[in-house]
Amino acid sequence: MISVLYVDDEPGLLEIGKHFLERSGSMIVDTVPSVAEALQYLEAQKYDAIISDYEMPGMDGIGFLQYIRETRPDLPFILFTGRGREDIVIEALNLGADYYLQKGGYPLPQYTELEHKIKLAVQRRKDGRMLAESELRYRRIVETANEGIWAFDAAFVTTYVNQKMADMLGYDAPGMIGHPITDFIPEEDLQDNGQQIVVRRDGVPERHERRFQKSDGTIVWCIISAAPVPDHTGRLAGSFAMLTDITVQKNAERELAARAAQLNVANREMAATLSELRVAEEKLLARNRELEEQRSALATSSTLLSRANHRINLLSSITRHDLITQLS
């Protein structure tokens, strides 16, 4: 149900208007003969729309419109008057009137059109509020996201960054607006970035890693999830990207790679040392075998020498005995 406040200094028109607008059952219409009374009604309750005449005693319809736009900027306002001057129409629309309708003619088509305009104005304001609320929720999500948010136009010039993105690169967010993405990429990476831009212009969402240069000259690594933003004709109007800082991960990977390289060198050196040790061990074993053979030969020689000495001693004793026997 749409609640309407109808302001006109002609009671007969108020009665007719209330009758026609309420006949469908979709509206409830309160009528007042002056802006002063209308203001009292507005203080007492809320309305979904206002219909106002132009020429009235005291404050006229334009003054009333100005007041409403200052105090209730989202409240639909329709100027419904018998005056059809072009300057009034222009002024009313410039001040924010939703519609301007001229009185006159048969009541049924006239109030049918008025009812239609009221519904359109109410729905448009409702849609506008919903859109504003949606945009506010979206902005809050973007501003508080843990990821960097970066938006570009079709030429890849920055149109928006959230504070997280600005902090990642060491800039303030407004200072990045208007700068092309290439201002934040190391010179040696520009060619590769150009290839990614070609992919984006083809309308292909993508995910890749990219190095960026911070305001202090240091490098930050990011994973970029980017998608093209087309216009109503399907052509590229810009792009939207979410970025995650993976610098710590990249540094850890680089350190692990360096350690792995050092370990490979150490393993090769150890393998070479083990090979040398095996050669030395084989030589030592061979020398031990030689020494063992020499010890065995010496032992054999010692045994033979001992036997020879024994025989010599035996012969010597026999010879002495024979000499003594002969002499005696």
C-alpha atoms as a PDB file:
ATOM      1  CA  MET A   1       0.000   0.000   0.000  1.00  0.00           C
ATOM      2  CA  ILE A   2       1.355   3.395  -1.047  1.00  0.00           C
ATOM      3  CA  SER A   3       0.680   6.327   1.284  1.00  0.00           C
ATOM      4  CA  VAL A   4       0.274   9.684  -0.484  1.00  0.00           C
ATOM      5  CA  LEU A   5       0.007  13.248   0.793  1.00  0.00           C
ATOM      6  CA  TYR A   6      -1.975  15.384  -1.679  1.00  0.00           C
ATOM      7  CA  VAL A   7      -1.686  19.195  -1.298  1.00  0.00           C
ATOM      8  CA  ASP A   8      -4.031  21.572  -3.182  1.00  0.00           C
ATOM      9  CA  ASP A   9      -5.970  24.682  -2.202  1.00  0.00           C
ATOM     10  CA  GLU A  10      -9.041  23.506  -4.159  1.00  0.00           C
ATOM     11  CA  PRO A  11     -11.088  21.113  -1.946  1.00  0.00           C
ATOM     12  CA  GLY A  12     -13.092  19.825  -4.899  1.00  0.00           C
ATOM     13  CA  LEU A  13      -9.979  18.661  -6.717  1.00  0.00           C
ATOM     14  CA  LEU A  14      -8.662  17.057  -3.527  1.00  0.00           C
ATOM     15  CA  GLU A  15     -11.879  15.059  -3.160  1.00  0.00           C
ATOM     16  CA  ILE A  16     -11.871  13.928  -6.785  1.00  0.00           C
ATOM     17  CA  GLY A  17      -8.181  13.067  -6.685  1.00  0.00           C
ATOM     18  CA  LYS A  18      -8.540  11.043  -3.478  1.00  0.00           C
ATOM     19  CA  HIS A  19     -11.474   9.135  -4.979  1.00  0.00           C
ATOM     20  CA  PHE A  20      -9.698   8.171  -8.194  1.00  0.00           C
ATOM     21  CA  LEU A  21      -6.349   7.334  -6.590  1.00  0.00           C
ATOM     22  CA  GLU A  22      -7.835   5.122  -3.875  1.00  0.00           C
ATOM     23  CA  ARG A  23     -10.275   3.257  -6.103  1.00  0.00           C
ATOM     24  CA  SER A  24      -7.730   0.570  -7.098  1.00  0.00           C
ATOM     25  CA  GLY A  25      -6.984  -0.229  -3.455  1.00  0.00           C
ATOM     26  CA  SER A  26      -3.231   0.254  -3.880  1.00  0.00           C
ATOM     27  CA  MET A  27      -3.057   3.739  -2.320  1.00  0.00           C
ATOM     28  CA  ILE A  28      -4.123   5.639   0.783  1.00  0.00           C
ATOM     29  CA  VAL A  29      -4.382   9.402   0.188  1.00  0.00           C
ATOM     30  CA  ASP A  30      -4.369  12.143   2.825  1.00  0.00           C
ATOM     31  CA  THR A  31      -5.470  15.566   1.540  1.00  0.00           C
ATOM     32  CA  VAL A  32      -4.580  19.036   2.881  1.00  0.00           C
ATOM     33  CA  PRO A  33      -5.369  22.517   1.461  1.00  0.00           C
ATOM     34  CA  SER A  34      -2.030  24.195   2.228  1.00  0.00           C
ATOM     35  CA  VAL A  35       1.680  23.612   2.582  1.00  0.00           C
ATOM     36  CA  ALA A  36       1.513  24.682   6.223  1.00  0.00           C
ATOM     37  CA  GLU A  37      -0.876  21.831   7.029  1.00  0.00           C
ATOM     38  CA  ALA A  38       1.152  19.472   4.864  1.00  0.00           C
ATOM     39  CA  LEU A  39       4.217  20.158   7.000  1.00  0.00           C
ATOM     40  CA  GLN A  40       2.249  19.235  10.115  1.00  0.00           C
ATOM     41  CA  TYR A  41       1.181  15.948   8.515  1.00  0.00           C
ATOM     42  CA  LEU A  42       4.760  15.220   7.534  1.00  0.00           C
ATOM     43  CA  GLU A  43       5.895  15.701  11.116  1.00  0.00           C
ATOM     44  CA  ALA A  44       3.267  13.258  12.333  1.00  0.00           C
ATOM     45  CA  GLN A  45       3.814  10.397   9.890  1.00  0.00           C
ATOM     46  CA  LYS A  46       5.772   9.137   6.904  1.00  0.00           C
ATOM     47  CA  TYR A  47       4.546   9.163   3.329  1.00  0.00           C
ATOM     48  CA  ASP A  48       5.670   7.289   0.241  1.00  0.00           C
ATOM     49  CA  ALA A  49       4.950  10.210  -2.119  1.00  0.00           C
ATOM     50  CA  ILE A  50       3.743  13.824  -2.292  1.00  0.00           C
ATOM     51  CA  ILE A  51       1.440  15.413  -4.880  1.00  0.00           C
ATOM     52  CA  SER A  52       1.409  19.202  -4.843  1.00  0.00           C
ATOM     53  CA  ASP A  53      -0.291  22.021  -6.700  1.00  0.00           C
ATOM     54  CA  TYR A  54       1.839  24.974  -7.795  1.00  0.00           C
ATOM     55  CA  GLU A  55      -0.188  28.085  -6.923  1.00  0.00           C
ATOM     56  CA  MET A  56      -1.313  28.047  -3.274  1.00  0.00           C
ATOM     57  CA  PRO A  57      -1.553  30.679  -0.530  1.00  0.00           C
ATOM     58  CA  GLY A  58       1.572  31.017   1.565  1.00  0.00           C
ATOM     59  CA  MET A  59       4.291  28.714   0.288  1.00  0.00           C
ATOM     60  CA  ASP A  60       3.769  27.631  -3.319  1.00  0.00           C
ATOM     61  CA  GLY A  61       4.565  24.265  -4.851  1.00  0.00           C
ATOM     62  CA  ILE A  62       8.133  25.212  -5.832  1.00  0.00           C
ATOM     63  CA  GLY A  63       8.937  26.407  -2.309  1.00  0.00           C
ATOM     64  CA  PHE A  64       7.415  23.225  -0.926  1.00  0.00           C
ATOM     65  CA  LEU A  65       9.543  21.155  -3.310  1.00  0.00           C
ATOM     66  CA  GLN A  66      12.697  22.962  -2.190  1.00  0.00           C
ATOM     67  CA  TYR A  67      11.874  22.265   1.448  1.00  0.00           C
ATOM     68  CA  ILE A  68      11.183  18.590   0.774  1.00  0.00           C
ATOM     69  CA  ARG A  69      14.436  18.142  -1.128  1.00  0.00           C
ATOM     70  CA  GLU A  70      16.370  19.763   1.734  1.00  0.00           C
ATOM     71  CA  THR A  71      14.722  17.682   4.456  1.00  0.00           C
ATOM     72  CA  ARG A  72      13.621  14.488   2.677  1.00  0.00           C
ATOM     73  CA  PRO A  73      15.702  14.160  -0.494  1.00  0.00           C
ATOM     74  CA  ASP A  74      14.468  10.643  -1.278  1.00  0.00           C
ATOM     75  CA  LEU A  75      10.731  11.353  -0.961  1.00  0.00           C
ATOM     76  CA  PRO A  76       8.990  11.239  -4.390  1.00  0.00           C
ATOM     77  CA  PHE A  77       7.444  14.589  -5.320  1.00  0.00           C
ATOM     78  CA  ILE A  78       5.020  15.175  -8.211  1.00  0.00           C
ATOM     79  CA  LEU A  79       3.989  18.680  -9.197  1.00  0.00           C
ATOM     80  CA  PHE A  80       0.344  18.499 -10.350  1.00  0.00           C
ATOM     81  CA  THR A  81      -0.851  21.921 -11.470  1.00  0.00           C
ATOM     82  CA  GLY A  82      -2.997  23.799 -13.921  1.00  0.00           C
ATOM     83  CA  ARG A  83      -0.121  26.126 -14.779  1.00  0.00           C
ATOM     84  CA  GLY A  84       1.749  24.872 -17.818  1.00  0.00           C
ATOM     85  CA  ARG A  85       4.472  27.482 -18.086  1.00  0.00           C
ATOM     86  CA  GLU A  86       7.729  26.080 -19.390  1.00  0.00           C
ATOM     87  CA  ASP A  87       9.840  27.974 -16.847  1.00  0.00           C
ATOM     88  CA  ILE A  88       7.900  26.394 -13.975  1.00  0.00           C
ATOM     89  CA  VAL A  89       8.360  22.929 -15.463  1.00  0.00           C
ATOM     90  CA  ILE A  90      12.107  23.461 -15.884  1.00  0.00           C
ATOM     91  CA  GLU A  91      12.510  24.885 -12.387  1.00  0.00           C
ATOM     92  CA  ALA A  92      10.558  22.027 -10.826  1.00  0.00           C
ATOM     93  CA  LEU A  93      12.562  19.354 -12.596  1.00  0.00           C
ATOM     94  CA  ASN A  94      15.834  21.125 -11.821  1.00  0.00           C
ATOM     95  CA  LEU A  95      14.904  21.212  -8.133  1.00  0.00           C
ATOM     96  CA  GLY A  96      14.332  17.468  -8.148  1.00  0.00           C
ATOM     97  CA  ALA A  97      10.646  16.919  -8.885  1.00  0.00           C
ATOM     98  CA  ASP A  98      10.108  13.345 -10.003  1.00  0.00           C
ATOM     99  CA  TYR A  99       7.357  14.285 -12.456  1.00  0.00           C
ATOM    100  CA  TYR A 100       5.367  17.287 -13.631  1.00  0.00           C
ATOM    101  CA  LEU A 101       1.740  16.760 -14.690  1.00  0.00           C
ATOM    102  CA  GLN A 102      -0.701  19.404 -15.893  1.00  0.00           C
ATOM    103  CA  LYS A 103      -4.291  19.387 -14.696  1.00  0.00           C
ATOM    104  CA  GLY A 104      -7.132  19.471 -17.168  1.00  0.00           C
ATOM    105  CA  GLY A 105      -9.155  17.194 -19.363  1.00  0.00           C
ATOM    106  CA  TYR A 106     -11.175  14.143 -18.381  1.00  0.00           C
ATOM    107  CA  PRO A 107     -10.576  12.967 -14.782  1.00  0.00           C
ATOM    108  CA  LEU A 108     -10.240   9.222 -15.489  1.00  0.00           C
ATOM    109  CA  PRO A 109      -7.270   9.298 -17.917  1.00  0.00           C
ATOM    110  CA  GLN A 110      -5.743  12.209 -15.983  1.00  0.00           C
ATOM    111  CA  TYR A 111      -5.773  10.447 -12.603  1.00  0.00           C
ATOM    112  CA  THR A 112      -4.863   7.120 -14.183  1.00  0.00           C
ATOM    113  CA  GLU A 113      -1.730   8.810 -15.482  1.00  0.00           C
ATOM    114  CA  LEU A 114      -1.121  10.411 -12.074  1.00  0.00           C
ATOM    115  CA  GLU A 115      -1.480   7.024 -10.360  1.00  0.00           C
ATOM    116  CA  HIS A 116       0.969   5.523 -12.833  1.00  0.00           C
ATOM    117  CA  LYS A 117       3.503   8.309 -12.215  1.00  0.00           C
ATOM    118  CA  ILE A 118       3.182   7.897  -8.440  1.00  0.00           C
ATOM    119  CA  LYS A 119       3.899   4.170  -8.683  1.00  0.00           C
ATOM    120  CA  LEU A 120       6.831   4.793 -11.015  1.00  0.00           C
ATOM    121  CA  ALA A 121       8.309   7.442  -8.731  1.00  0.00           C
ATOM    122  CA  VAL A 122       7.906   5.289  -5.620  1.00  0.00           C
ATOM    123  CA  GLN A 123       9.435   2.243  -7.322  1.00  0.00           C
ATOM    124  CA  ARG A 124      12.293   4.291  -8.756  1.00  0.00           C
ATOM    125  CA  ARG A 125      13.106   5.751  -5.348  1.00  0.00           C
ATOM    126  CA  LYS A 126      12.862   2.288  -3.815  1.00  0.00           C
ATOM    127  CA  ASP A 127      15.173   0.880  -6.460  1.00  0.00           C
ATOM    128  CA  GLY A 128      17.526   3.793  -5.903  1.00  0.00           C
ATOM    129  CA  ARG A 129      17.603   3.142  -2.160  1.00  0.00           C
ATOM    130  CA  MET A 130      18.202  -0.550  -2.725  1.00  0.00           C
ATOM    131  CA  LEU A 131      20.976   0.245  -5.165  1.00  0.00           C
ATOM    132  CA  ALA A 132      22.523   2.740  -2.754  1.00  0.00           C
ATOM    133  CA  GLU A 133      22.327   0.200   0.063  1.00  0.00           C
ATOM    134  CA  SER A 134      23.833  -2.456  -2.178  1.00  0.00           C
ATOM    135  CA  GLU A 135      26.626  -0.116  -3.218  1.00  0.00           C
ATOM    136  CA  LEU A 136      27.246   0.796   0.417  1.00  0.00           C
ATOM    137  CA  ARG A 137      27.456  -2.880   1.391  1.00  0.00           C
ATOM    138  CA  TYR A 138      29.734  -3.532  -1.546  1.00  0.00           C
ATOM    139  CA  ARG A 139      31.966  -0.576  -0.651  1.00  0.00           C
ATOM    140  CA  ARG A 140      32.177  -1.721   2.958  1.00  0.00           C
ATOM    141  CA  ILE A 141      33.135  -5.205   1.829  1.00  0.00           C
ATOM    142  CA  VAL A 142      35.731  -3.817  -0.567  1.00  0.00           C
ATOM    143  CA  GLU A 143      37.168  -1.362   1.927  1.00  0.00           C
ATOM    144  CA  THR A 144      37.495  -3.988   4.667  1.00  0.00           C
ATOM    145  CA  ALA A 145      38.666  -6.851   2.429  1.00  0.00           C
ATOM    146  CA  ASN A 146      41.942  -8.575   3.250  1.00  0.00           C
ATOM    147  CA  GLU A 147      42.764  -8.549  -0.457  1.00  0.00           C
ATOM    148  CA  GLY A 148      43.779  -5.596  -2.533  1.00  0.00           C
ATOM    149  CA  ILE A 149      41.050  -4.371  -4.889  1.00  0.00           C
ATOM    150  CA  TRP A 150      42.141  -2.592  -8.070  1.00  0.00           C
ATOM    151  CA  ALA A 151      39.900  -1.273 -10.866  1.00  0.00           C
ATOM    152  CA  PHE A 152      40.999   0.066 -14.259  1.00  0.00           C
ATOM    153  CA  ASP A 153      39.446   1.694 -17.285  1.00  0.00           C
ATOM    154  CA  ALA A 154      39.840   0.307 -20.802  1.00  0.00           C
ATOM    155  CA  ALA A 155      43.345   1.836 -21.055  1.00  0.00           C
ATOM    156  CA  PHE A 156      44.372   0.157 -17.761  1.00  0.00           C
ATOM    157  CA  VAL A 157      44.501   3.452 -15.918  1.00  0.00           C
ATOM    158  CA  THR A 158      43.610   3.197 -12.232  1.00  0.00           C
ATOM    159  CA  THR A 159      40.050   4.253 -11.427  1.00  0.00           C
ATOM    160  CA  TYR A 160      39.816   2.790  -7.916  1.00  0.00           C
ATOM    161  CA  VAL A 161      41.918   1.053  -5.263  1.00  0.00           C
ATOM    162  CA  ASN A 162      40.933   0.120  -1.742  1.00  0.00           C
ATOM    163  CA  GLN A 163      43.155   1.030   1.196  1.00  0.00           C
ATOM    164  CA  LYS A 164      44.551  -2.504   1.412  1.00  0.00           C
ATOM    165  CA  MET A 165      45.846  -2.257  -2.159  1.00  0.00           C
ATOM    166  CA  ALA A 166      47.384   1.147  -1.489  1.00  0.00           C
ATOM    167  CA  ASP A 167      49.047  -0.157   1.683  1.00  0.00           C
ATOM    168  CA  MET A 168      50.477  -3.139  -0.203  1.00  0.00           C
ATOM    169  CA  LEU A 169      52.317  -0.771  -2.553  1.00  0.00           C
ATOM    170  CA  GLY A 170      53.115   1.903   0.015  1.00  0.00           C
ATOM    171  CA  TYR A 171      50.928   4.650  -1.476  1.00  0.00           C
ATOM    172  CA  ASP A 172      47.837   6.525  -0.370  1.00  0.00           C
ATOM    173  CA  ALA A 173      44.734   5.423  -2.279  1.00  0.00           C
ATOM    174  CA  PRO A 174      43.885   8.797  -3.898  1.00  0.00           C
ATOM    175  CA  GLY A 175      47.482   9.119  -5.095  1.00  0.00           C
ATOM    176  CA  MET A 176      47.150   5.980  -7.229  1.00  0.00           C
ATOM    177  CA  ILE A 177      44.040   7.163  -9.081  1.00  0.00           C
ATOM    178  CA  GLY A 178      44.797   8.206 -12.660  1.00  0.00           C
ATOM    179  CA  HIS A 179      48.050   6.236 -12.888  1.00  0.00           C
ATOM    180  CA  PRO A 180      48.411   3.366 -15.389  1.00  0.00           C
ATOM    181  CA  ILE A 181      49.263  -0.033 -13.989  1.00  0.00           C
ATOM    182  CA  THR A 182      52.650   0.145 -15.711  1.00  0.00           C
ATOM    183  CA  ASP A 183      53.703   2.856 -13.225  1.00  0.00           C
ATOM    184  CA  PHE A 184      53.775   0.169 -10.541  1.00  0.00           C
ATOM    185  CA  ILE A 185      55.504  -2.650 -12.464  1.00  0.00           C
ATOM    186  CA  PRO A 186      59.312  -3.156 -12.627  1.00  0.00           C
ATOM    187  CA  GLU A 187      60.685  -2.218 -16.032  1.00  0.00           C
ATOM    188  CA  GLU A 188      62.006  -5.708 -16.705  1.00  0.00           C
ATOM    189  CA  ASP A 189      58.470  -7.139 -16.298  1.00  0.00           C
ATOM    190  CA  LEU A 190      56.667  -4.737 -18.646  1.00  0.00           C
ATOM    191  CA  GLN A 191      56.794  -7.013 -21.692  1.00  0.00           C
ATOM    192  CA  ASP A 192      55.196  -9.905 -19.826  1.00  0.00           C
ATOM    193  CA  ASN A 193      52.553  -7.556 -18.428  1.00  0.00           C
ATOM    194  CA  GLY A 194      51.730  -6.458 -21.972  1.00  0.00           C
ATOM    195  CA  GLN A 195      50.934 -10.059 -22.868  1.00  0.00           C
ATOM    196  CA  GLN A 196      48.548 -10.310 -19.913  1.00  0.00           C
ATOM    197  CA  ILE A 197      46.807  -7.106 -21.011  1.00  0.00           C
ATOM    198  CA  VAL A 198      46.167  -8.647 -24.440  1.00  0.00           C
ATOM    199  CA  VAL A 199      44.468 -11.598 -22.725  1.00  0.00           C
ATOM    200  CA  ARG A 200      42.340  -9.225 -20.632  1.00  0.00           C
ATOM    201  CA  ARG A 201      41.276  -7.253 -23.705  1.00  0.00           C
ATOM    202  CA  ASP A 202      40.097 -10.484 -25.267  1.00  0.00           C
ATOM    203  CA  GLY A 203      37.577 -10.715 -22.430  1.00  0.00           C
ATOM    204  CA  VAL A 204      39.207 -13.677 -20.694  1.00  0.00           C
ATOM    205  CA  PRO A 205      39.291 -13.839 -16.882  1.00  0.00           C
ATOM    206  CA  GLU A 206      42.743 -14.811 -15.658  1.00  0.00           C
ATOM    207  CA  ARG A 207      44.802 -15.646 -12.609  1.00  0.00           C
ATOM    208  CA  HIS A 208      48.547 -15.153 -12.513  1.00  0.00           C
ATOM    209  CA  GLU A 209      51.473 -13.994 -10.398  1.00  0.00           C
ATOM    210  CA  ARG A 210      52.923 -10.522 -10.868  1.00  0.00           C
ATOM    211  CA  ARG A 211      55.703  -8.458  -9.335  1.00  0.00           C
ATOM    212  CA  PHE A 212      54.986  -4.844  -8.372  1.00  0.00           C
ATOM    213  CA  GLN A 213      57.365  -2.108  -7.316  1.00  0.00           C
ATOM    214  CA  LYS A 214      56.490  -0.358  -4.074  1.00  0.00           C
ATOM    215  CA  SER A 215      56.941   3.351  -3.462  1.00  0.00           C
ATOM    216  CA  ASP A 216      60.269   2.649  -1.699  1.00  0.00           C
ATOM    217  CA  GLY A 217      61.577   0.628  -4.655  1.00  0.00           C
ATOM    218  CA  THR A 218      61.216  -2.785  -3.036  1.00  0.00           C
ATOM    219  CA  ILE A 219      59.363  -5.621  -4.754  1.00  0.00           C
ATOM    220  CA  VAL A 220      56.065  -7.167  -3.701  1.00  0.00           C
ATOM    221  CA  TRP A 221      54.759 -10.380  -5.247  1.00  0.00           C
ATOM    222  CA  CYS A 222      51.001 -10.751  -5.777  1.00  0.00           C
ATOM    223  CA  ILE A 223      48.551 -13.316  -7.083  1.00  0.00           C
ATOM    224  CA  ILE A 224      46.125 -11.479  -9.368  1.00  0.00           C
ATOM    225  CA  SER A 225      42.594 -12.690 -10.088  1.00  0.00           C
ATOM    226  CA  ALA A 226      41.353 -10.352 -12.808  1.00  0.00           C
ATOM    227  CA  ALA A 227      38.243 -10.137 -14.945  1.00  0.00           C
ATOM    228  CA  PRO A 228      37.247  -7.804 -17.787  1.00  0.00           C
ATOM    229  CA  VAL A 229      34.324  -5.411 -17.303  1.00  0.00           C
ATOM    230  CA  PRO A 230      32.335  -4.970 -20.545  1.00  0.00           C
ATOM    231  CA  ASP A 231      30.104  -2.040 -21.426  1.00  0.00           C
ATOM    232  CA  HIS A 232      26.522  -2.391 -22.662  1.00  0.00           C
ATOM    233  CA  THR A 233      27.795  -3.257 -26.152  1.00  0.00           C
ATOM    234  CA  GLY A 234      30.087  -6.011 -24.892  1.00  0.00           C
ATOM    235  CA  ARG A 235      33.277  -4.071 -25.517  1.00  0.00           C
ATOM    236  CA  LEU A 236      35.937  -3.756 -22.835  1.00  0.00           C
ATOM    237  CA  ALA A 237      35.134  -0.851 -20.517  1.00  0.00           C
ATOM    238  CA  GLY A 238      37.694  -1.732 -17.882  1.00  0.00           C
ATOM    239  CA  SER A 239      38.785  -4.512 -15.580  1.00  0.00           C
ATOM    240  CA  PHE A 240      38.525  -5.499 -11.954  1.00  0.00           C
ATOM    241  CA  ALA A 241      41.221  -7.338 -10.024  1.00  0.00           C
ATOM    242  CA  MET A 242      41.726  -8.831  -6.584  1.00  0.00           C
ATOM    243  CA  LEU A 243      45.328  -9.126  -5.416  1.00  0.00           C
ATOM    244  CA  THR A 244      46.856 -11.185  -2.611  1.00  0.00           C
ATOM    245  CA  ASP A 245      50.327 -10.414  -1.279  1.00  0.00           C
ATOM    246  CA  ILE A 246      52.481 -13.563  -1.548  1.00  0.00           C
ATOM    247  CA  THR A 247      55.857 -11.879  -0.990  1.00  0.00           C
ATOM    248  CA  VAL A 248      56.556 -13.868   2.192  1.00  0.00           C
ATOM    249  CA  GLN A 249      55.714 -17.094   0.381  1.00  0.00           C
ATOM    250  CA  LYS A 250      57.885 -16.146  -2.593  1.00  0.00           C
ATOM    251  CA  ASN A 251      60.814 -15.225  -0.346  1.00  0.00           C
ATOM    252  CA  ALA A 252      60.428 -18.541   1.465  1.00  0.00           C
ATOM    253  CA  GLU A 253      60.366 -20.394  -1.869  1.00  0.00           C
ATOM    254  CA  ARG A 254      63.482 -18.533  -2.992  1.00  0.00           C
ATOM    255  CA  GLU A 255      65.234 -19.348   0.289  1.00  0.00           C
ATOM    256  CA  LEU A 256      64.218 -23.000   0.007  1.00  0.00           C
ATOM    257  CA  ALA A 257      65.513 -23.097  -3.563  1.00  0.00           C
ATOM    258  CA  ALA A 258      68.828 -21.577  -2.427  1.00  0.00           C
ATOM    259  CA  ARG A 259      69.093 -24.100   0.388  1.00  0.00           C
ATOM    260  CA  ALA A 260      68.253 -26.926  -1.998  1.00  0.00           C
ATOM    261  CA  ALA A 261      71.011 -25.734  -4.337  1.00  0.00           C
ATOM    262  CA  GLN A 262      73.457 -25.587  -1.431  1.00  0.00           C
ATOM    263  CA  LEU A 263      72.371 -29.060  -0.373  1.00  0.00           C
ATOM    264  CA  ASN A 264      72.922 -30.376  -3.898  1.00  0.00           C
ATOM    265  CA  VAL A 265      76.438 -28.915  -3.900  1.00  0.00           C
ATOM    266  CA  ALA A 266      77.111 -30.431  -0.475  1.00  0.00           C
ATOM    267  CA  ASN A 267      75.763 -33.789  -1.668  1.00  0.00           C
ATOM    268  CA  ARG A 268      78.021 -33.712  -4.715  1.00  0.00           C
ATOM    269  CA  GLU A 269      81.023 -32.808  -2.562  1.00  0.00           C
ATOM    270  CA  MET A 270      80.133 -35.551  -0.101  1.00  0.00           C
ATOM    271  CA  ALA A 271      79.763 -38.066  -2.931  1.00  0.00           C
ATOM    272  CA  ALA A 272      83.192 -37.080  -4.251  1.00  0.00           C
ATOM    273  CA  THR A 273      84.675 -37.404  -0.755  1.00  0.00           C
ATOM    274  CA  LEU A 274      83.066 -40.817  -0.279  1.00  0.00           C
ATOM    275  CA  SER A 275      84.460 -41.921  -3.625  1.00  0.00           C
ATOM    276  CA  GLU A 276      87.936 -40.804  -2.555  1.00  0.00           C
ATOM    277  CA  LEU A 277      87.510 -42.592   0.764  1.00  0.00           C
ATOM    278  CA  ARG A 278      86.485 -45.793  -1.017  1.00  0.00           C
ATOM    279  CA  VAL A 279      89.595 -45.590  -3.225  1.00  0.00           C
ATOM    280  CA  ALA A 280      91.777 -44.986  -0.167  1.00  0.00           C
ATOM    281  CA  GLU A 281      90.072 -47.855   1.650  1.00  0.00           C
ATOM    282  CA  GLU A 282      90.703 -50.208  -1.261  1.00  0.00           C
ATOM    283  CA  LYS A 283      94.362 -49.170  -1.310  1.00  0.00           C
ATOM    284  CA  LEU A 284      94.602 -49.705   2.438  1.00  0.00           C
ATOM    285  CA  LEU A 285      93.026 -53.143   2.162  1.00  0.00           C
ATOM    286  CA  ALA A 286      95.436 -54.049  -0.623  1.00  0.00           C
ATOM    287  CA  ARG A 287      98.371 -52.857   1.498  1.00  0.00           C
ATOM    288  CA  ASN A 288      97.060 -54.862   4.444  1.00  0.00           C
ATOM    289  CA  ARG A 289      96.911 -57.945   2.250  1.00  0.00           C
ATOM    290  CA  GLU A 290     100.501 -57.322   1.151  1.00  0.00           C
ATOM    291  CA  LEU A 291     101.602 -56.929   4.753  1.00  0.00           C
ATOM    292  CA  GLU A 292      99.749 -60.094   5.718  1.00  0.00           C
ATOM    293  CA  GLU A 293     101.475 -61.986   2.925  1.00  0.00           C
ATOM    294  CA  GLN A 294     104.824 -60.578   4.064  1.00  0.00           C
ATOM    295  CA  ARG A 295     104.102 -61.570   7.684  1.00  0.00           C
ATOM    296  CA  SER A 296     103.167 -65.061   6.507  1.00  0.00           C
ATOM    297  CA  ALA A 297     106.395 -65.295   4.488  1.00  0.00           C
ATOM    298  CA  LEU A 298     108.452 -64.080   7.437  1.00  0.00           C
ATOM    299  CA  ALA A 299     106.779 -66.619   9.711  1.00  0.00           C
ATOM    300  CA  THR A 300     107.620 -69.398   7.252  1.00  0.00           C
ATOM    301  CA  SER A 301     111.192 -68.151   6.957  1.00  0.00           C
ATOM    302  CA  SER A 302     111.515 -68.005  10.743  1.00  0.00           C
ATOM    303  CA  THR A 303     110.309 -71.606  11.056  1.00  0.00           C
ATOM    304  CA  LEU A 304     112.749 -72.823   8.432  1.00  0.00           C
ATOM    305  CA  LEU A 305     115.574 -70.874  10.049  1.00  0.00           C
ATOM    306  CA  SER A 306     114.757 -72.356  13.443  1.00  0.00           C
ATOM    307  CA  ARG A 307     114.851 -75.871  11.984  1.00  0.00           C
ATOM    308  CA  ALA A 308     118.132 -75.149  10.261  1.00  0.00           C
ATOM    309  CA  ASN A 309     119.657 -73.847  13.478  1.00  0.00           C
ATOM    310  CA  HIS A 310     118.462 -76.957  15.278  1.00  0.00           C
ATOM    311  CA  ARG A 311     120.116 -79.225  12.727  1.00  0.00           C
ATOM    312  CA  ILE A 312     123.310 -77.215  12.833  1.00  0.00           C
ATOM    313  CA  ASN A 313     123.394 -77.453  16.611  1.00  0.00           C
ATOM    314  CA  LEU A 314     122.747 -81.194  16.385  1.00  0.00           C
ATOM    315  CA  LEU A 315     125.514 -81.702  13.872  1.00  0.00           C
ATOM    316  CA  SER A 316     127.812 -79.565  15.929  1.00  0.00           C
ATOM    317  CA  SER A 317     127.222 -81.655  19.036  1.00  0.00           C
ATOM    318  CA  ILE A 318     127.771 -84.912  17.141  1.00  0.00           C
ATOM    319  CA  THR A 319     130.980 -83.627  15.654  1.00  0.00           C
ATOM    320  CA  ARG A 320     132.378 -82.578  19.035  1.00  0.00           C
ATOM    321  CA  HIS A 321     131.539 -85.968  20.475  1.00  0.00           C
ATOM    322  CA  ASP A 322     133.338 -87.759  17.666  1.00  0.00           C
ATOM    323  CA  LEU A 323     136.432 -85.582  18.093  1.00  0.00           C
ATOM    324  CA  ILE A 324     136.580 -86.215  21.812  1.00  0.00           C
ATOM    325  CA  THR A 325     136.225 -89.969  21.246  1.00  0.00           C
ATOM    326  CA  GLN A 326     139.048 -90.079  18.739  1.00  0.00           C
ATOM    327  CA  LEU A 327     141.352 -88.035  20.908  1.00  0.00           C
ATOM    328  CA  SER A 328     140.870 -90.298  23.839  1.00  0.00           C
END
